[in-house]
Amino acid sequence: GVLKLDKINEIGQYAFYEYEHISSISLPDTVTHIGSYAFKGCDNLSSINLGNGLKIIYKYAFSTCRNLTDIHLCDGIVMINDYAFDCCSSLTKISIPNSITTIGEGAFSNCSSLSEVFCKATTPPSIGSIAFSYNASGRKIYVPASDDDSIINAYKSAWSGFKSYIYEYEF
């Protein structure tokens, strides 16, 4: 079913842990934090609209949501913590907004269908060394284009483990 929540500012840790009756979530703009393990193992969850107020997604929040195909991350989010989307094996692309400053260890690891990552931040966020490990073969990471290549070069330096997968993109 569809979960609609109003007038709350946080989804607590383990709030919907392994709850299999949610297929879609739309969070209100009042939600600023999603707690650790909040939606971990929600196997039927396929789409999420996280709302415009979200700042932090804590560790393992959406881990092993195997049917998750659509995530909309709004501008304003600053941190995606460790293993937040680990093992989301149906996720094919993710767009990370300009506001992001930190992508945790393993944040998108084991997302075996993930082939396109669009990171709109002009300053490379700090990143865990295995943030994008075990994605789809040939996965590409797109970063903002700049006339002097300063942005892509900064990413290749900061995200050295993924430098051969980073490409410029006109957002």
Protein backbone atom coordinates (compact mmCIF):
# COMPACT_ATOMS: atom_id res chain seq x y z
CA GLY A 1 0.00 0.00 0.00
CA VAL A 2 0.86 3.67 -0.14
CA LEU A 3 2.19 5.23 3.03
CA LYS A 4 1.34 8.89 3.54
CA LEU A 5 2.71 10.65 6.59
CA ASP A 6 1.99 14.23 7.63
CA LYS A 7 3.30 16.63 10.29
CA ILE A 8 6.31 14.60 11.38
CA ASN A 9 9.94 15.69 11.31
CA GLU A 10 11.80 12.41 11.64
CA ILE A 11 11.42 8.74 10.74
CA GLY A 12 12.93 6.97 13.73
CA GLN A 13 15.40 4.12 13.58
CA TYR A 14 13.87 0.74 12.76
CA ALA A 15 10.49 2.50 12.16
CA PHE A 16 9.45 0.26 9.24
CA TYR A 17 12.21 -2.36 9.48
CA GLU A 18 11.41 -5.38 7.26
CA TYR A 19 7.83 -4.15 6.86
CA GLU A 20 6.66 -5.80 3.65
CA HIS A 21 3.36 -4.01 3.15
CA ILE A 22 4.74 -0.71 1.79
CA SER A 23 5.13 -0.28 -1.96
CA SER A 24 5.44 3.49 -2.13
CA ILE A 25 6.38 6.24 0.34
CA SER A 26 5.85 9.96 0.08
CA LEU A 27 7.37 11.88 2.96
CA PRO A 28 6.22 15.39 3.84
CA ASP A 29 8.61 18.33 3.57
CA THR A 30 8.73 18.48 7.38
CA VAL A 31 10.86 15.32 7.61
CA THR A 32 14.54 16.24 8.08
CA HIS A 33 16.06 12.87 9.14
CA ILE A 34 15.52 9.22 8.30
CA GLY A 35 16.88 7.03 11.08
CA SER A 36 19.18 4.03 10.87
CA TYR A 37 17.54 0.85 9.51
CA ALA A 38 14.22 2.77 9.13
CA PHE A 39 13.15 0.99 5.93
CA LYS A 40 15.76 -1.79 5.78
CA GLY A 41 14.45 -4.93 4.15
CA CYS A 42 11.17 -3.43 2.91
CA ASP A 43 11.12 -5.87 -0.01
CA ASN A 44 8.05 -4.48 -1.77
CA LEU A 45 9.08 -0.83 -1.60
CA SER A 46 9.52 0.36 -5.17
CA SER A 47 9.37 4.16 -5.05
CA ILE A 48 10.18 6.91 -2.57
CA ASN A 49 9.57 10.63 -2.65
CA LEU A 50 11.67 11.89 0.22
CA GLY A 51 10.27 15.43 0.48
CA ASN A 52 12.03 18.77 0.28
CA GLY A 53 13.11 19.12 3.91
CA LEU A 54 15.31 16.02 4.18
CA LYS A 55 18.88 16.66 5.36
CA ILE A 56 20.27 13.31 6.55
CA ILE A 57 19.70 9.65 5.70
CA TYR A 58 21.27 7.51 8.42
CA LYS A 59 23.04 4.16 8.03
CA TYR A 60 21.27 1.19 6.44
CA ALA A 61 18.06 3.28 6.13
CA PHE A 62 17.03 1.67 2.82
CA SER A 63 19.43 -1.28 2.75
CA THR A 64 18.14 -4.44 1.03
CA CYS A 65 15.06 -2.73 -0.45
CA ARG A 66 15.42 -5.07 -3.41
CA ASN A 67 12.53 -3.70 -5.50
CA LEU A 68 13.40 -0.04 -5.09
CA THR A 69 13.64 1.44 -8.59
CA ASP A 70 12.90 5.11 -8.03
CA ILE A 71 14.38 7.49 -5.44
CA HIS A 72 13.97 11.23 -5.68
CA LEU A 73 16.58 13.06 -3.57
CA CYS A 74 15.69 16.75 -3.28
CA ASP A 75 18.09 19.64 -2.98
CA GLY A 76 18.94 20.23 0.67
CA ILE A 77 20.13 16.74 1.55
CA VAL A 78 23.66 16.95 2.95
CA MET A 79 24.50 13.43 4.09
CA ILE A 80 23.83 9.88 2.93
CA ASN A 81 25.32 7.67 5.62
CA ASP A 82 27.05 4.29 5.50
CA TYR A 83 25.24 1.53 3.57
CA ALA A 84 22.09 3.69 3.31
CA PHE A 85 21.12 2.13 -0.04
CA ASP A 86 23.28 -1.01 0.13
CA CYS A 87 21.86 -4.02 -1.78
CA CYS A 88 19.11 -2.04 -3.56
CA SER A 89 19.51 -4.40 -6.50
CA SER A 90 16.74 -2.93 -8.71
CA LEU A 91 18.04 0.63 -8.58
CA THR A 92 19.34 1.62 -12.04
CA LYS A 93 20.17 5.31 -11.59
CA ILE A 94 20.51 7.90 -8.86
CA SER A 95 20.69 11.67 -9.01
CA ILE A 96 22.54 13.23 -6.07
CA PRO A 97 21.79 16.94 -5.54
CA ASN A 98 24.24 19.83 -5.33
CA SER A 99 23.70 20.18 -1.56
CA ILE A 100 25.35 16.85 -0.67
CA THR A 101 28.59 17.01 1.32
CA THR A 102 29.02 13.41 2.50
CA ILE A 103 28.38 10.01 0.92
CA GLY A 104 29.18 7.29 3.42
CA GLU A 105 31.04 4.02 3.21
CA GLY A 106 29.13 1.56 1.03
CA ALA A 107 26.23 4.03 0.57
CA PHE A 108 25.35 2.57 -2.85
CA SER A 109 27.39 -0.64 -2.71
CA ASN A 110 25.95 -3.92 -3.97
CA CYS A 111 23.40 -2.03 -6.09
CA SER A 112 23.99 -4.54 -8.86
CA SER A 113 21.77 -2.78 -11.45
CA LEU A 114 23.06 0.75 -10.77
CA SER A 115 24.55 1.99 -14.05
CA GLU A 116 24.23 5.78 -13.83
CA VAL A 117 25.13 8.10 -10.96
CA PHE A 118 24.53 11.81 -11.49
CA CYS A 119 26.33 13.87 -8.84
CA LYS A 120 25.42 17.54 -9.25
CA ALA A 121 27.71 18.93 -6.54
CA THR A 122 30.37 21.23 -7.95
CA THR A 123 32.61 20.43 -4.97
CA PRO A 124 33.18 16.69 -4.61
CA PRO A 125 31.45 15.34 -1.49
CA SER A 126 33.55 13.29 0.90
CA ILE A 127 33.02 9.65 0.04
CA GLY A 128 33.60 6.23 1.54
CA SER A 129 36.07 4.10 -0.40
CA ILE A 130 33.45 1.51 -1.35
CA ALA A 131 30.52 3.91 -1.77
CA PHE A 132 29.84 2.70 -5.32
CA SER A 133 31.31 -0.81 -5.21
CA TYR A 134 29.65 -3.80 -6.87
CA ASN A 135 27.41 -1.74 -9.14
CA ALA A 136 26.41 -2.72 -12.68
CA SER A 137 29.26 -3.46 -15.04
CA GLY A 138 30.52 -0.25 -16.69
CA ARG A 139 28.66 2.02 -14.28
CA LYS A 140 29.24 5.70 -15.06
CA ILE A 141 29.45 8.60 -12.61
CA TYR A 142 28.51 11.95 -14.12
CA VAL A 143 29.73 15.21 -12.57
CA PRO A 144 29.19 18.86 -13.59
CA ALA A 145 31.06 19.97 -16.71
CA SER A 146 33.42 22.93 -16.51
CA ASP A 147 35.33 24.72 -19.28
CA ASP A 148 38.70 24.16 -17.60
CA ASP A 149 38.03 20.58 -16.38
CA SER A 150 38.52 21.78 -12.78
CA ILE A 151 35.43 19.98 -11.48
CA ILE A 152 36.08 16.59 -13.09
CA ASN A 153 39.75 16.77 -12.04
CA ALA A 154 38.71 17.53 -8.44
CA TYR A 155 36.39 14.50 -8.49
CA LYS A 156 39.05 12.22 -9.98
CA SER A 157 41.38 13.27 -7.19
CA ALA A 158 38.83 13.08 -4.34
CA TRP A 159 37.13 9.92 -5.63
CA SER A 160 40.33 8.26 -6.83
CA GLY A 161 38.97 4.73 -6.49
CA PHE A 162 36.31 5.54 -9.09
CA LYS A 163 38.29 7.94 -11.31
CA SER A 164 38.09 5.82 -14.45
CA TYR A 165 34.27 5.87 -14.25
CA ILE A 166 33.83 9.66 -13.90
CA TYR A 167 32.54 11.71 -16.86
CA GLU A 168 31.46 15.32 -17.38
CA TYR A 169 27.75 16.10 -17.81
CA GLU A 170 25.89 19.32 -18.65
CA PHE A 171 23.24 19.47 -15.92
